[in-house]
Amino acid sequence: AVRIARVSDMPFGAVLCDLDGVLRLWDPDIMPRLEGAHGVPEGTLAAAAFAPACLMPAITGTITDEEWRADIAGQLTLTHGAATAQALVAGWTAIPGRVDEAVRAG
């Protein structure tokens, strides 16, 4: 029989996994392509998405991924309008990334 260990049975209290940029990889041209297609300066989407005030609640589990993306759209709406903001976030969200098979196998 296979026994599945629980965290409470282990000599440590947490497991840390680095998913994005390690196991899951993204095409580095995604954001610039989307920005170009919507007429916004390169770096706009990343600046909104990865600003500490927006990102930290998402990576610490304070908000959901959906709430984080809504916050990004909200920030982009202030400078680029709702339609552009929604299109940028929707386009970025639609890209699934790919698994780095060498890391997965390791």
PDB file of N, CA and C in Angstrom:
ATOM      1  N   ALA A   1       0.839  -1.181   0.000  1.00  0.00           N
ATOM      2  CA  ALA A   1       0.000   0.000   0.000  1.00  0.00           C
ATOM      3  C   ALA A   1       0.884   1.244   0.000  1.00  0.00           C
ATOM      4  N   VAL A   2       0.442   2.243  -0.675  1.00  0.00           N
ATOM      5  CA  VAL A   2       1.161   3.516  -0.741  1.00  0.00           C
ATOM      6  C   VAL A   2       0.662   4.404   0.383  1.00  0.00           C
ATOM      7  N   ARG A   3       1.583   4.938   1.141  1.00  0.00           N
ATOM      8  CA  ARG A   3       1.222   5.865   2.216  1.00  0.00           C
ATOM      9  C   ARG A   3       1.593   7.268   1.775  1.00  0.00           C
ATOM     10  N   ILE A   4       0.663   8.145   1.826  1.00  0.00           N
ATOM     11  CA  ILE A   4       0.918   9.540   1.479  1.00  0.00           C
ATOM     12  C   ILE A   4       1.224  10.285   2.767  1.00  0.00           C
ATOM     13  N   ALA A   5       2.424  10.861   2.800  1.00  0.00           N
ATOM     14  CA  ALA A   5       2.835  11.588   3.999  1.00  0.00           C
ATOM     15  C   ALA A   5       2.112  12.911   4.097  1.00  0.00           C
ATOM     16  N   ARG A   6       1.844  13.311   5.311  1.00  0.00           N
ATOM     17  CA  ARG A   6       1.286  14.631   5.571  1.00  0.00           C
ATOM     18  C   ARG A   6       2.412  15.532   6.052  1.00  0.00           C
ATOM     19  N   VAL A   7       2.266  16.822   5.816  1.00  0.00           N
ATOM     20  CA  VAL A   7       3.283  17.775   6.266  1.00  0.00           C
ATOM     21  C   VAL A   7       3.507  17.625   7.764  1.00  0.00           C
ATOM     22  N   SER A   8       2.456  17.350   8.519  1.00  0.00           N
ATOM     23  CA  SER A   8       2.597  17.213   9.972  1.00  0.00           C
ATOM     24  C   SER A   8       3.456  16.005  10.353  1.00  0.00           C
ATOM     25  N   ASP A   9       3.634  15.045   9.436  1.00  0.00           N
ATOM     26  CA  ASP A   9       4.467  13.868   9.687  1.00  0.00           C
ATOM     27  C   ASP A   9       5.934  14.099   9.321  1.00  0.00           C
ATOM     28  N   MET A  10       6.247  15.224   8.751  1.00  0.00           N
ATOM     29  CA  MET A  10       7.590  15.482   8.234  1.00  0.00           C
ATOM     30  C   MET A  10       8.388  16.352   9.196  1.00  0.00           C
ATOM     31  N   PRO A  11       9.718  16.283   9.078  1.00  0.00           N
ATOM     32  CA  PRO A  11      10.573  17.041  10.000  1.00  0.00           C
ATOM     33  C   PRO A  11      10.675  18.533   9.664  1.00  0.00           C
ATOM     34  N   PHE A  12       9.859  19.000   8.750  1.00  0.00           N
ATOM     35  CA  PHE A  12       9.855  20.413   8.395  1.00  0.00           C
ATOM     36  C   PHE A  12       8.416  20.883   8.321  1.00  0.00           C
ATOM     37  N   GLY A  13       8.221  22.179   8.355  1.00  0.00           N
ATOM     38  CA  GLY A  13       6.874  22.720   8.411  1.00  0.00           C
ATOM     39  C   GLY A  13       6.340  23.307   7.121  1.00  0.00           C
ATOM     40  N   ALA A  14       7.170  23.312   6.072  1.00  0.00           N
ATOM     41  CA  ALA A  14       6.712  23.913   4.824  1.00  0.00           C
ATOM     42  C   ALA A  14       7.509  23.355   3.657  1.00  0.00           C
ATOM     43  N   VAL A  15       6.939  23.491   2.483  1.00  0.00           N
ATOM     44  CA  VAL A  15       7.609  23.124   1.247  1.00  0.00           C
ATOM     45  C   VAL A  15       7.584  24.357   0.361  1.00  0.00           C
ATOM     46  N   LEU A  16       8.724  24.719  -0.178  1.00  0.00           N
ATOM     47  CA  LEU A  16       8.829  25.887  -1.047  1.00  0.00           C
ATOM     48  C   LEU A  16       9.100  25.411  -2.468  1.00  0.00           C
ATOM     49  N   CYS A  17       8.263  25.826  -3.390  1.00  0.00           N
ATOM     50  CA  CYS A  17       8.436  25.468  -4.794  1.00  0.00           C
ATOM     51  C   CYS A  17       8.540  26.751  -5.600  1.00  0.00           C
ATOM     52  N   ASP A  18       9.501  26.812  -6.483  1.00  0.00           N
ATOM     53  CA  ASP A  18       9.650  27.960  -7.365  1.00  0.00           C
ATOM     54  C   ASP A  18       9.150  27.544  -8.733  1.00  0.00           C
ATOM     55  N   LEU A  19       7.934  27.909  -9.044  1.00  0.00           N
ATOM     56  CA  LEU A  19       7.287  27.467 -10.267  1.00  0.00           C
ATOM     57  C   LEU A  19       7.647  28.342 -11.460  1.00  0.00           C
ATOM     58  N   ASP A  20       7.281  29.611 -11.413  1.00  0.00           N
ATOM     59  CA  ASP A  20       7.468  30.486 -12.570  1.00  0.00           C
ATOM     60  C   ASP A  20       8.933  30.855 -12.764  1.00  0.00           C
ATOM     61  N   GLY A  21       9.387  30.645 -13.993  1.00  0.00           N
ATOM     62  CA  GLY A  21      10.763  30.943 -14.334  1.00  0.00           C
ATOM     63  C   GLY A  21      11.724  29.811 -14.005  1.00  0.00           C
ATOM     64  N   VAL A  22      11.232  28.769 -13.361  1.00  0.00           N
ATOM     65  CA  VAL A  22      12.054  27.607 -13.046  1.00  0.00           C
ATOM     66  C   VAL A  22      11.426  26.371 -13.684  1.00  0.00           C
ATOM     67  N   LEU A  23      10.263  25.972 -13.218  1.00  0.00           N
ATOM     68  CA  LEU A  23       9.583  24.817 -13.786  1.00  0.00           C
ATOM     69  C   LEU A  23       8.686  25.227 -14.956  1.00  0.00           C
ATOM     70  N   ARG A  24       8.010  26.359 -14.810  1.00  0.00           N
ATOM     71  CA  ARG A  24       7.154  26.862 -15.888  1.00  0.00           C
ATOM     72  C   ARG A  24       7.855  28.059 -16.510  1.00  0.00           C
ATOM     73  N   LEU A  25       8.047  27.990 -17.829  1.00  0.00           N
ATOM     74  CA  LEU A  25       8.743  29.051 -18.552  1.00  0.00           C
ATOM     75  C   LEU A  25       7.768  29.806 -19.451  1.00  0.00           C
ATOM     76  N   TRP A  26       8.071  31.069 -19.630  1.00  0.00           N
ATOM     77  CA  TRP A  26       7.242  31.950 -20.452  1.00  0.00           C
ATOM     78  C   TRP A  26       8.052  32.471 -21.621  1.00  0.00           C
ATOM     79  N   ASP A  27       7.389  32.668 -22.739  1.00  0.00           N
ATOM     80  CA  ASP A  27       7.998  33.291 -23.903  1.00  0.00           C
ATOM     81  C   ASP A  27       8.302  34.749 -23.516  1.00  0.00           C
ATOM     82  N   PRO A  28       9.572  35.165 -23.560  1.00  0.00           N
ATOM     83  CA  PRO A  28       9.909  36.524 -23.135  1.00  0.00           C
ATOM     84  C   PRO A  28       9.328  37.617 -24.037  1.00  0.00           C
ATOM     85  N   ASP A  29       8.829  37.233 -25.198  1.00  0.00           N
ATOM     86  CA  ASP A  29       8.265  38.218 -26.126  1.00  0.00           C
ATOM     87  C   ASP A  29       6.764  38.416 -25.958  1.00  0.00           C
ATOM     88  N   ILE A  30       6.138  37.672 -25.041  1.00  0.00           N
ATOM     89  CA  ILE A  30       4.682  37.766 -24.880  1.00  0.00           C
ATOM     90  C   ILE A  30       4.254  39.184 -24.539  1.00  0.00           C
ATOM     91  N   MET A  31       4.804  39.731 -23.475  1.00  0.00           N
ATOM     92  CA  MET A  31       4.374  41.062 -23.039  1.00  0.00           C
ATOM     93  C   MET A  31       4.681  42.126 -24.098  1.00  0.00           C
ATOM     94  N   PRO A  32       5.900  42.177 -24.657  1.00  0.00           N
ATOM     95  CA  PRO A  32       6.144  43.187 -25.694  1.00  0.00           C
ATOM     96  C   PRO A  32       5.228  43.055 -26.907  1.00  0.00           C
ATOM     97  N   ARG A  33       4.909  41.813 -27.302  1.00  0.00           N
ATOM     98  CA  ARG A  33       3.993  41.621 -28.440  1.00  0.00           C
ATOM     99  C   ARG A  33       2.609  42.167 -28.125  1.00  0.00           C
ATOM    100  N   LEU A  34       2.111  41.856 -26.937  1.00  0.00           N
ATOM    101  CA  LEU A  34       0.783  42.355 -26.542  1.00  0.00           C
ATOM    102  C   LEU A  34       0.781  43.879 -26.468  1.00  0.00           C
ATOM    103  N   GLU A  35       1.820  44.421 -25.867  1.00  0.00           N
ATOM    104  CA  GLU A  35       1.901  45.884 -25.739  1.00  0.00           C
ATOM    105  C   GLU A  35       1.941  46.553 -27.108  1.00  0.00           C
ATOM    106  N   GLY A  36       2.745  45.994 -28.012  1.00  0.00           N
ATOM    107  CA  GLY A  36       2.816  46.541 -29.366  1.00  0.00           C
ATOM    108  C   GLY A  36       1.481  46.463 -30.085  1.00  0.00           C
ATOM    109  N   ALA A  37       0.793  45.348 -29.916  1.00  0.00           N
ATOM    110  CA  ALA A  37      -0.501  45.164 -30.570  1.00  0.00           C
ATOM    111  C   ALA A  37      -1.552  46.141 -30.062  1.00  0.00           C
ATOM    112  N   HIS A  38      -1.378  46.619 -28.834  1.00  0.00           N
ATOM    113  CA  HIS A  38      -2.365  47.526 -28.233  1.00  0.00           C
ATOM    114  C   HIS A  38      -1.856  48.959 -28.106  1.00  0.00           C
ATOM    115  N   GLY A  39      -0.684  49.216 -28.699  1.00  0.00           N
ATOM    116  CA  GLY A  39      -0.183  50.584 -28.753  1.00  0.00           C
ATOM    117  C   GLY A  39       0.249  51.180 -27.433  1.00  0.00           C
ATOM    118  N   VAL A  40       0.734  50.343 -26.522  1.00  0.00           N
ATOM    119  CA  VAL A  40       1.236  50.874 -25.251  1.00  0.00           C
ATOM    120  C   VAL A  40       2.741  50.659 -25.183  1.00  0.00           C
ATOM    121  N   PRO A  41       3.452  51.490 -24.449  1.00  0.00           N
ATOM    122  CA  PRO A  41       4.912  51.366 -24.373  1.00  0.00           C
ATOM    123  C   PRO A  41       5.347  50.018 -23.792  1.00  0.00           C
ATOM    124  N   GLU A  42       6.435  49.506 -24.344  1.00  0.00           N
ATOM    125  CA  GLU A  42       6.988  48.254 -23.836  1.00  0.00           C
ATOM    126  C   GLU A  42       7.339  48.407 -22.360  1.00  0.00           C
ATOM    127  N   GLY A  43       6.997  47.412 -21.588  1.00  0.00           N
ATOM    128  CA  GLY A  43       7.250  47.425 -20.150  1.00  0.00           C
ATOM    129  C   GLY A  43       6.047  47.825 -19.325  1.00  0.00           C
ATOM    130  N   THR A  44       5.003  48.292 -19.985  1.00  0.00           N
ATOM    131  CA  THR A  44       3.807  48.762 -19.292  1.00  0.00           C
ATOM    132  C   THR A  44       3.133  47.649 -18.484  1.00  0.00           C
ATOM    133  N   LEU A  45       2.921  46.510 -19.111  1.00  0.00           N
ATOM    134  CA  LEU A  45       2.231  45.395 -18.452  1.00  0.00           C
ATOM    135  C   LEU A  45       3.062  44.853 -17.294  1.00  0.00           C
ATOM    136  N   ALA A  46       4.340  44.659 -17.514  1.00  0.00           N
ATOM    137  CA  ALA A  46       5.208  44.151 -16.442  1.00  0.00           C
ATOM    138  C   ALA A  46       5.278  45.134 -15.282  1.00  0.00           C
ATOM    139  N   ALA A  47       5.344  46.413 -15.583  1.00  0.00           N
ATOM    140  CA  ALA A  47       5.410  47.422 -14.517  1.00  0.00           C
ATOM    141  C   ALA A  47       4.172  47.364 -13.633  1.00  0.00           C
ATOM    142  N   ALA A  48       3.013  47.163 -14.244  1.00  0.00           N
ATOM    143  CA  ALA A  48       1.776  47.074 -13.466  1.00  0.00           C
ATOM    144  C   ALA A  48       1.699  45.742 -12.716  1.00  0.00           C
ATOM    145  N   ALA A  49       2.005  44.646 -13.400  1.00  0.00           N
ATOM    146  CA  ALA A  49       1.851  43.311 -12.810  1.00  0.00           C
ATOM    147  C   ALA A  49       2.830  43.035 -11.684  1.00  0.00           C
ATOM    148  N   PHE A  50       4.051  43.539 -11.831  1.00  0.00           N
ATOM    149  CA  PHE A  50       5.096  43.176 -10.882  1.00  0.00           C
ATOM    150  C   PHE A  50       5.484  44.291  -9.915  1.00  0.00           C
ATOM    151  N   ALA A  51       4.687  45.350  -9.896  1.00  0.00           N
ATOM    152  CA  ALA A  51       4.892  46.392  -8.888  1.00  0.00           C
ATOM    153  C   ALA A  51       4.645  45.751  -7.524  1.00  0.00           C
ATOM    154  N   PRO A  52       5.522  45.958  -6.566  1.00  0.00           N
ATOM    155  CA  PRO A  52       5.376  45.290  -5.273  1.00  0.00           C
ATOM    156  C   PRO A  52       3.990  45.413  -4.642  1.00  0.00           C
ATOM    157  N   ALA A  53       3.374  46.574  -4.729  1.00  0.00           N
ATOM    158  CA  ALA A  53       2.056  46.750  -4.111  1.00  0.00           C
ATOM    159  C   ALA A  53       1.001  45.856  -4.757  1.00  0.00           C
ATOM    160  N   CYS A  54       1.194  45.520  -6.002  1.00  0.00           N
ATOM    161  CA  CYS A  54       0.254  44.652  -6.722  1.00  0.00           C
ATOM    162  C   CYS A  54       0.656  43.186  -6.581  1.00  0.00           C
ATOM    163  N   LEU A  55       1.933  42.899  -6.704  1.00  0.00           N
ATOM    164  CA  LEU A  55       2.417  41.522  -6.720  1.00  0.00           C
ATOM    165  C   LEU A  55       2.444  40.847  -5.356  1.00  0.00           C
ATOM    166  N   MET A  56       2.872  41.551  -4.331  1.00  0.00           N
ATOM    167  CA  MET A  56       3.054  40.915  -3.017  1.00  0.00           C
ATOM    168  C   MET A  56       1.794  40.256  -2.474  1.00  0.00           C
ATOM    169  N   PRO A  57       0.634  40.888  -2.552  1.00  0.00           N
ATOM    170  CA  PRO A  57      -0.563  40.197  -2.066  1.00  0.00           C
ATOM    171  C   PRO A  57      -0.845  38.897  -2.840  1.00  0.00           C
ATOM    172  N   ALA A  58      -0.484  38.882  -4.109  1.00  0.00           N
ATOM    173  CA  ALA A  58      -0.717  37.685  -4.925  1.00  0.00           C
ATOM    174  C   ALA A  58       0.246  36.562  -4.555  1.00  0.00           C
ATOM    175  N   ILE A  59       1.517  36.877  -4.392  1.00  0.00           N
ATOM    176  CA  ILE A  59       2.484  35.808  -4.128  1.00  0.00           C
ATOM    177  C   ILE A  59       2.491  35.358  -2.672  1.00  0.00           C
ATOM    178  N   THR A  60       1.865  36.124  -1.810  1.00  0.00           N
ATOM    179  CA  THR A  60       1.760  35.703  -0.403  1.00  0.00           C
ATOM    180  C   THR A  60       0.410  35.068  -0.101  1.00  0.00           C
ATOM    181  N   GLY A  61      -0.450  34.973  -1.104  1.00  0.00           N
ATOM    182  CA  GLY A  61      -1.737  34.315  -0.920  1.00  0.00           C
ATOM    183  C   GLY A  61      -2.811  35.171  -0.290  1.00  0.00           C
ATOM    184  N   THR A  62      -2.549  36.464  -0.173  1.00  0.00           N
ATOM    185  CA  THR A  62      -3.542  37.372   0.396  1.00  0.00           C
ATOM    186  C   THR A  62      -4.719  37.559  -0.562  1.00  0.00           C
ATOM    187  N   ILE A  63      -4.427  37.538  -1.869  1.00  0.00           N
ATOM    188  CA  ILE A  63      -5.467  37.636  -2.890  1.00  0.00           C
ATOM    189  C   ILE A  63      -5.298  36.476  -3.868  1.00  0.00           C
ATOM    190  N   THR A  64      -6.342  36.179  -4.614  1.00  0.00           N
ATOM    191  CA  THR A  64      -6.300  35.115  -5.615  1.00  0.00           C
ATOM    192  C   THR A  64      -5.626  35.613  -6.893  1.00  0.00           C
ATOM    193  N   ASP A  65      -5.309  34.676  -7.760  1.00  0.00           N
ATOM    194  CA  ASP A  65      -4.754  35.040  -9.061  1.00  0.00           C
ATOM    195  C   ASP A  65      -5.732  35.919  -9.829  1.00  0.00           C
ATOM    196  N   GLU A  66      -6.999  35.595  -9.746  1.00  0.00           N
ATOM    197  CA  GLU A  66      -8.016  36.392 -10.446  1.00  0.00           C
ATOM    198  C   GLU A  66      -8.069  37.820  -9.896  1.00  0.00           C
ATOM    199  N   GLU A  67      -7.966  37.952  -8.579  1.00  0.00           N
ATOM    200  CA  GLU A  67      -7.962  39.296  -7.981  1.00  0.00           C
ATOM    201  C   GLU A  67      -6.712  40.065  -8.380  1.00  0.00           C
ATOM    202  N   TRP A  68      -5.575  39.372  -8.454  1.00  0.00           N
ATOM    203  CA  TRP A  68      -4.328  40.020  -8.874  1.00  0.00           C
ATOM    204  C   TRP A  68      -4.466  40.554 -10.298  1.00  0.00           C
ATOM    205  N   ARG A  69      -5.002  39.720 -11.179  1.00  0.00           N
ATOM    206  CA  ARG A  69      -5.156  40.149 -12.571  1.00  0.00           C
ATOM    207  C   ARG A  69      -6.170  41.295 -12.686  1.00  0.00           C
ATOM    208  N   ALA A  70      -7.192  41.286 -11.864  1.00  0.00           N
ATOM    209  CA  ALA A  70      -8.144  42.401 -11.844  1.00  0.00           C
ATOM    210  C   ALA A  70      -7.462  43.679 -11.354  1.00  0.00           C
ATOM    211  N   ASP A  71      -6.573  43.549 -10.369  1.00  0.00           N
ATOM    212  CA  ASP A  71      -5.820  44.706  -9.890  1.00  0.00           C
ATOM    213  C   ASP A  71      -4.917  45.268 -10.988  1.00  0.00           C
ATOM    214  N   ILE A  72      -4.288  44.367 -11.742  1.00  0.00           N
ATOM    215  CA  ILE A  72      -3.432  44.797 -12.858  1.00  0.00           C
ATOM    216  C   ILE A  72      -4.268  45.568 -13.867  1.00  0.00           C
ATOM    217  N   ALA A  73      -5.414  45.004 -14.227  1.00  0.00           N
ATOM    218  CA  ALA A  73      -6.301  45.687 -15.180  1.00  0.00           C
ATOM    219  C   ALA A  73      -6.737  47.041 -14.638  1.00  0.00           C
ATOM    220  N   GLY A  74      -7.007  47.102 -13.333  1.00  0.00           N
ATOM    221  CA  GLY A  74      -7.391  48.372 -12.722  1.00  0.00           C
ATOM    222  C   GLY A  74      -6.300  49.418 -12.828  1.00  0.00           C
ATOM    223  N   GLN A  75      -5.074  49.008 -12.589  1.00  0.00           N
ATOM    224  CA  GLN A  75      -3.951  49.944 -12.707  1.00  0.00           C
ATOM    225  C   GLN A  75      -3.771  50.406 -14.149  1.00  0.00           C
ATOM    226  N   LEU A  76      -3.848  49.466 -15.079  1.00  0.00           N
ATOM    227  CA  LEU A  76      -3.680  49.822 -16.487  1.00  0.00           C
ATOM    228  C   LEU A  76      -4.825  50.693 -16.999  1.00  0.00           C
ATOM    229  N   THR A  77      -6.008  50.520 -16.446  1.00  0.00           N
ATOM    230  CA  THR A  77      -7.161  51.330 -16.843  1.00  0.00           C
ATOM    231  C   THR A  77      -6.907  52.811 -16.568  1.00  0.00           C
ATOM    232  N   LEU A  78      -6.214  53.099 -15.480  1.00  0.00           N
ATOM    233  CA  LEU A  78      -5.943  54.493 -15.117  1.00  0.00           C
ATOM    234  C   LEU A  78      -5.151  55.237 -16.182  1.00  0.00           C
ATOM    235  N   THR A  79      -4.272  54.527 -16.879  1.00  0.00           N
ATOM    236  CA  THR A  79      -3.408  55.193 -17.859  1.00  0.00           C
ATOM    237  C   THR A  79      -3.712  54.847 -19.311  1.00  0.00           C
ATOM    238  N   HIS A  80      -4.423  53.742 -19.545  1.00  0.00           N
ATOM    239  CA  HIS A  80      -4.624  53.302 -20.927  1.00  0.00           C
ATOM    240  C   HIS A  80      -6.069  52.981 -21.274  1.00  0.00           C
ATOM    241  N   GLY A  81      -6.981  53.203 -20.344  1.00  0.00           N
ATOM    242  CA  GLY A  81      -8.386  52.931 -20.601  1.00  0.00           C
ATOM    243  C   GLY A  81      -8.762  51.487 -20.342  1.00  0.00           C
ATOM    244  N   ALA A  82     -10.039  51.277 -20.072  1.00  0.00           N
ATOM    245  CA  ALA A  82     -10.529  49.955 -19.683  1.00  0.00           C
ATOM    246  C   ALA A  82     -10.395  48.915 -20.796  1.00  0.00           C
ATOM    247  N   ALA A  83     -10.702  49.290 -22.019  1.00  0.00           N
ATOM    248  CA  ALA A  83     -10.662  48.312 -23.119  1.00  0.00           C
ATOM    249  C   ALA A  83      -9.243  47.804 -23.343  1.00  0.00           C
ATOM    250  N   THR A  84      -8.282  48.697 -23.364  1.00  0.00           N
ATOM    251  CA  THR A  84      -6.880  48.299 -23.555  1.00  0.00           C
ATOM    252  C   THR A  84      -6.396  47.479 -22.373  1.00  0.00           C
ATOM    253  N   ALA A  85      -6.734  47.913 -21.170  1.00  0.00           N
ATOM    254  CA  ALA A  85      -6.321  47.191 -19.967  1.00  0.00           C
ATOM    255  C   ALA A  85      -6.861  45.770 -19.976  1.00  0.00           C
ATOM    256  N   GLN A  86      -8.146  45.616 -20.275  1.00  0.00           N
ATOM    257  CA  GLN A  86      -8.752  44.287 -20.301  1.00  0.00           C
ATOM    258  C   GLN A  86      -8.134  43.419 -21.399  1.00  0.00           C
ATOM    259  N   ALA A  87      -7.860  44.005 -22.549  1.00  0.00           N
ATOM    260  CA  ALA A  87      -7.262  43.247 -23.653  1.00  0.00           C
ATOM    261  C   ALA A  87      -5.851  42.780 -23.299  1.00  0.00           C
ATOM    262  N   LEU A  88      -5.070  43.641 -22.677  1.00  0.00           N
ATOM    263  CA  LEU A  88      -3.711  43.265 -22.271  1.00  0.00           C
ATOM    264  C   LEU A  88      -3.725  42.127 -21.267  1.00  0.00           C
ATOM    265  N   VAL A  89      -4.535  42.251 -20.250  1.00  0.00           N
ATOM    266  CA  VAL A  89      -4.585  41.224 -19.202  1.00  0.00           C
ATOM    267  C   VAL A  89      -5.169  39.927 -19.757  1.00  0.00           C
ATOM    268  N   ALA A  90      -6.194  40.011 -20.579  1.00  0.00           N
ATOM    269  CA  ALA A  90      -6.781  38.802 -21.168  1.00  0.00           C
ATOM    270  C   ALA A  90      -5.784  38.096 -22.085  1.00  0.00           C
ATOM    271  N   GLY A  91      -5.070  38.855 -22.881  1.00  0.00           N
ATOM    272  CA  GLY A  91      -4.072  38.267 -23.770  1.00  0.00           C
ATOM    273  C   GLY A  91      -2.945  37.602 -23.006  1.00  0.00           C
ATOM    274  N   TRP A  92      -2.498  38.245 -21.956  1.00  0.00           N
ATOM    275  CA  TRP A  92      -1.421  37.706 -21.117  1.00  0.00           C
ATOM    276  C   TRP A  92      -1.905  36.458 -20.379  1.00  0.00           C
ATOM    277  N   THR A  93      -3.121  36.498 -19.878  1.00  0.00           N
ATOM    278  CA  THR A  93      -3.690  35.371 -19.141  1.00  0.00           C
ATOM    279  C   THR A  93      -3.873  34.143 -20.034  1.00  0.00           C
ATOM    280  N   ALA A  94      -4.154  34.350 -21.303  1.00  0.00           N
ATOM    281  CA  ALA A  94      -4.419  33.244 -22.219  1.00  0.00           C
ATOM    282  C   ALA A  94      -3.181  32.414 -22.543  1.00  0.00           C
ATOM    283  N   ILE A  95      -1.999  32.921 -22.283  1.00  0.00           N
ATOM    284  CA  ILE A  95      -0.767  32.212 -22.604  1.00  0.00           C
ATOM    285  C   ILE A  95      -0.412  31.282 -21.441  1.00  0.00           C
ATOM    286  N   PRO A  96      -0.380  29.962 -21.665  1.00  0.00           N
ATOM    287  CA  PRO A  96      -0.173  29.033 -20.558  1.00  0.00           C
ATOM    288  C   PRO A  96       1.282  28.828 -20.127  1.00  0.00           C
ATOM    289  N   GLY A  97       2.247  29.239 -20.909  1.00  0.00           N
ATOM    290  CA  GLY A  97       3.631  28.917 -20.589  1.00  0.00           C
ATOM    291  C   GLY A  97       3.922  27.470 -20.946  1.00  0.00           C
ATOM    292  N   ARG A  98       5.138  27.031 -20.666  1.00  0.00           N
ATOM    293  CA  ARG A  98       5.498  25.641 -20.952  1.00  0.00           C
ATOM    294  C   ARG A  98       6.331  25.093 -19.811  1.00  0.00           C
ATOM    295  N   VAL A  99       6.296  23.795 -19.645  1.00  0.00           N
ATOM    296  CA  VAL A  99       7.053  23.140 -18.593  1.00  0.00           C
ATOM    297  C   VAL A  99       8.472  22.891 -19.091  1.00  0.00           C
ATOM    298  N   ASP A 100       9.457  23.234 -18.282  1.00  0.00           N
ATOM    299  CA  ASP A 100      10.850  22.915 -18.580  1.00  0.00           C
ATOM    300  C   ASP A 100      11.043  21.441 -18.226  1.00  0.00           C
ATOM    301  N   GLU A 101      11.072  20.596 -19.235  1.00  0.00           N
ATOM    302  CA  GLU A 101      11.126  19.146 -19.023  1.00  0.00           C
ATOM    303  C   GLU A 101      12.391  18.715 -18.293  1.00  0.00           C
ATOM    304  N   ALA A 102      13.514  19.391 -18.508  1.00  0.00           N
ATOM    305  CA  ALA A 102      14.758  19.028 -17.825  1.00  0.00           C
ATOM    306  C   ALA A 102      14.631  19.250 -16.315  1.00  0.00           C
ATOM    307  N   VAL A 103      13.992  20.342 -15.925  1.00  0.00           N
ATOM    308  CA  VAL A 103      13.786  20.606 -14.501  1.00  0.00           C
ATOM    309  C   VAL A 103      12.788  19.613 -13.928  1.00  0.00           C
ATOM    310  N   ARG A 104      11.713  19.354 -14.655  1.00  0.00           N
ATOM    311  CA  ARG A 104      10.698  18.410 -14.188  1.00  0.00           C
ATOM    312  C   ARG A 104      11.292  17.018 -13.990  1.00  0.00           C
ATOM    313  N   ALA A 105      12.145  16.605 -14.881  1.00  0.00           N
ATOM    314  CA  ALA A 105      12.735  15.281 -14.794  1.00  0.00           C
ATOM    315  C   ALA A 105      13.775  15.171 -13.689  1.00  0.00           C
ATOM    316  N   GLY A 106      14.376  16.321 -13.353  1.00  0.00           N
ATOM    317  CA  GLY A 106      15.464  16.335 -12.359  1.00  0.00           C
ATOM    318  C   GLY A 106      14.978  16.090 -11.008  1.00  0.00           C
TER     319      GLY A 106
END
